[in-house]
């Protein structure tokens, strides 16, 4: 009885896999997928602390710590903070960090980008009675915003590279 259940489940899994392949499904990540090309893209960012945080998050997200491909991702960031909550003492105690990221992907030796895009990352933090704790909270929010932006950049890159690989580069 147990063996027949395994045979049925195995054949269902095989059928499902074949059906996915027949409908044109292809994984985003894997050794032969577009997502694996992200590990070959070098990352260049600005000189500010948030740029470093974004660069580290992008390298981790894309797995490109030792990238040696012919593509370079260049980013520009704009960091802003907005007060969200005013306490009973009329002092803003909660802030939202928004990290805007404009990026362009360049092929070595070319001046025109292969693709361009923009995205953002957001996080919030509370001020506390301690200056040190407030500073650490703000830095943590910046790191979370950078990680969120890095996830969005990498997903947009995968989609765009898949589109280019599938349909060729877009013509204006």
Protein backbone atom coordinates (compact mmCIF):
# COMPACT_ATOMS: atom_id res chain seq x y z
CA UNK A 1 0.00 0.00 0.00
CA UNK A 2 2.80 2.39 0.93
CA UNK A 3 4.73 1.57 -2.25
CA UNK A 4 1.75 2.28 -4.51
CA UNK A 5 1.30 5.66 -2.81
CA UNK A 6 4.96 6.51 -3.51
CA UNK A 7 4.59 5.45 -7.14
CA UNK A 8 1.50 7.63 -7.55
CA UNK A 9 3.16 10.63 -5.88
CA UNK A 10 6.29 10.15 -7.97
CA UNK A 11 4.33 10.01 -11.20
CA UNK A 12 2.34 13.11 -10.20
CA UNK A 13 5.56 14.99 -9.47
CA UNK A 14 7.03 13.94 -12.82
CA UNK A 15 3.84 14.96 -14.63
CA UNK A 16 3.85 18.33 -12.90
CA UNK A 17 7.49 18.91 -13.87
CA UNK A 18 6.79 18.02 -17.50
CA UNK A 19 3.74 20.29 -17.54
CA UNK A 20 5.81 23.23 -16.25
CA UNK A 21 8.41 22.66 -18.95
CA UNK A 22 5.75 22.43 -21.63
CA UNK A 23 4.19 25.76 -20.69
CA UNK A 24 7.52 27.59 -21.04
CA UNK A 25 8.39 27.80 -17.34
CA UNK A 26 12.05 28.39 -16.64
CA UNK A 27 13.55 29.00 -13.21
CA UNK A 28 14.97 32.43 -12.40
CA UNK A 29 17.79 30.96 -10.36
CA UNK A 30 19.88 27.91 -11.08
CA UNK A 31 22.98 26.97 -12.98
CA UNK A 32 21.47 27.49 -16.43
CA UNK A 33 19.05 30.30 -15.51
CA UNK A 34 19.36 34.04 -16.03
CA UNK A 35 19.65 34.54 -12.27
CA UNK A 36 23.04 32.80 -12.31
CA UNK A 37 24.42 35.60 -14.52
CA UNK A 38 23.91 38.03 -11.63
CA UNK A 39 26.92 36.49 -9.92
CA UNK A 40 29.11 37.73 -12.78
CA UNK A 41 28.04 41.41 -12.50
CA UNK A 42 30.42 43.80 -10.75
CA UNK A 43 28.83 46.43 -8.49
CA UNK A 44 29.96 50.07 -8.21
CA UNK A 45 28.35 52.54 -5.84
CA UNK A 46 29.13 55.96 -4.35
CA UNK A 47 31.26 56.90 -1.35
CA UNK A 48 28.66 57.45 1.37
CA UNK A 49 27.88 54.98 4.15
CA UNK A 50 24.49 54.11 2.64
CA UNK A 51 26.21 53.43 -0.70
CA UNK A 52 28.49 50.93 1.02
CA UNK A 53 25.47 49.30 2.67
CA UNK A 54 23.74 49.08 -0.72
CA UNK A 55 26.85 47.66 -2.39
CA UNK A 56 27.24 44.95 0.25
CA UNK A 57 23.53 44.10 0.05
CA UNK A 58 23.68 43.90 -3.76
CA UNK A 59 26.78 41.72 -3.71
CA UNK A 60 25.15 39.39 -1.17
CA UNK A 61 21.83 39.34 -3.03
CA UNK A 62 23.41 38.65 -6.43
CA UNK A 63 26.21 36.40 -5.17
CA UNK A 64 28.75 38.53 -7.00
CA UNK A 65 31.50 38.89 -4.39
CA UNK A 66 34.08 37.60 -6.91
CA UNK A 67 32.43 38.77 -10.13
CA UNK A 68 34.57 38.74 -13.23
CA UNK A 69 32.03 39.14 -16.03
CA UNK A 70 31.82 41.90 -18.62
CA UNK A 71 28.90 43.73 -16.94
CA UNK A 72 29.05 46.45 -14.28
CA UNK A 73 26.12 47.75 -12.26
CA UNK A 74 26.48 51.42 -11.29
CA UNK A 75 24.14 53.01 -8.78
CA UNK A 76 23.26 56.48 -7.52
CA UNK A 77 21.38 56.88 -4.27
CA UNK A 78 19.29 59.53 -2.57
CA UNK A 79 18.53 59.05 1.13
CA UNK A 80 15.71 60.90 2.82
CA UNK A 81 13.95 60.82 6.16
CA UNK A 82 10.39 61.84 6.99
CA UNK A 83 8.88 62.36 10.40
CA UNK A 84 5.94 60.04 10.98
CA UNK A 85 4.79 60.36 14.55
CA UNK A 86 4.57 63.36 16.88
CA UNK A 87 4.50 62.60 20.58
CA UNK A 88 2.48 64.36 23.26
CA UNK A 89 5.45 66.69 23.77
CA UNK A 90 5.18 67.84 20.11
CA UNK A 91 8.47 66.13 19.19
CA UNK A 92 8.73 63.75 16.25
CA UNK A 93 9.60 60.34 17.64
CA UNK A 94 9.21 58.06 14.61
CA UNK A 95 10.94 58.47 11.25
CA UNK A 96 10.76 56.76 7.89
CA UNK A 97 13.93 56.28 5.84
CA UNK A 98 13.51 56.11 2.05
CA UNK A 99 16.47 55.13 -0.10
CA UNK A 100 15.96 55.94 -3.79
CA UNK A 101 18.25 53.98 -6.11
CA UNK A 102 18.86 54.75 -9.78
CA UNK A 103 20.94 52.12 -11.51
CA UNK A 104 22.41 51.35 -14.91
CA UNK A 105 24.00 48.17 -16.21
CA UNK A 106 26.99 48.69 -18.51
CA UNK A 107 28.90 46.27 -20.70
CA UNK A 108 32.68 46.74 -20.55
CA UNK A 109 33.95 49.16 -23.19
CA UNK A 110 30.51 50.62 -23.98
CA UNK A 111 29.22 54.04 -22.96
CA UNK A 112 25.51 53.31 -23.40
CA UNK A 113 23.91 51.21 -20.68
CA UNK A 114 22.42 47.81 -21.45
CA UNK A 115 19.54 48.71 -19.17
CA UNK A 116 18.55 51.37 -16.66
CA UNK A 117 16.07 51.40 -13.82
CA UNK A 118 15.17 52.78 -10.46
CA UNK A 119 13.65 51.49 -7.25
CA UNK A 120 13.60 52.23 -3.56
CA UNK A 121 13.84 50.72 -0.12
CA UNK A 122 12.03 51.90 3.00
CA UNK A 123 12.37 51.32 6.72
CA UNK A 124 11.36 53.18 9.86
CA UNK A 125 12.79 53.70 13.31
CA UNK A 126 11.96 55.29 16.64
CA UNK A 127 13.95 57.90 18.51
CA UNK A 128 14.76 56.97 22.05
CA UNK A 129 15.92 58.94 25.07
CA UNK A 130 19.51 57.98 24.35
CA UNK A 131 21.41 59.71 21.56
CA UNK A 132 23.50 56.58 20.95
CA UNK A 133 20.42 54.31 20.74
CA UNK A 134 18.73 56.73 18.32
CA UNK A 135 21.83 56.80 16.11
CA UNK A 136 22.01 52.98 16.07
CA UNK A 137 18.28 52.77 15.25
CA UNK A 138 18.74 55.15 12.32
CA UNK A 139 21.73 53.20 11.00
CA UNK A 140 19.79 49.95 11.30
CA UNK A 141 16.90 51.48 9.33
CA UNK A 142 19.34 52.58 6.62
CA UNK A 143 20.75 49.05 6.40
CA UNK A 144 17.24 47.56 6.15
CA UNK A 145 16.30 50.06 3.43
CA UNK A 146 19.50 49.18 1.53
CA UNK A 147 18.72 45.44 1.73
CA UNK A 148 15.17 46.03 0.49
CA UNK A 149 16.43 48.16 -2.40
CA UNK A 150 19.05 45.51 -3.26
CA UNK A 151 16.36 42.81 -3.42
CA UNK A 152 14.28 44.96 -5.75
CA UNK A 153 17.26 45.84 -7.97
CA UNK A 154 18.26 42.19 -8.32
CA UNK A 155 14.69 41.12 -9.16
CA UNK A 156 14.41 43.87 -11.76
CA UNK A 157 17.77 42.81 -13.24
CA UNK A 158 16.67 39.18 -13.47
CA UNK A 159 13.43 40.16 -15.20
CA UNK A 160 15.15 42.54 -17.62
CA UNK A 161 17.96 40.12 -18.46
CA UNK A 162 15.44 37.35 -19.01
CA UNK A 163 13.46 39.63 -21.33
CA UNK A 164 16.62 40.54 -23.24
CA UNK A 165 17.67 36.89 -23.49
CA UNK A 166 14.21 35.80 -24.59
CA UNK A 167 13.18 38.61 -26.94
CA UNK A 168 16.40 40.51 -27.63
CA UNK A 169 17.20 44.10 -26.60
CA UNK A 170 14.37 46.62 -26.76
CA UNK A 171 14.56 49.06 -29.63
CA UNK A 172 13.43 52.65 -29.13
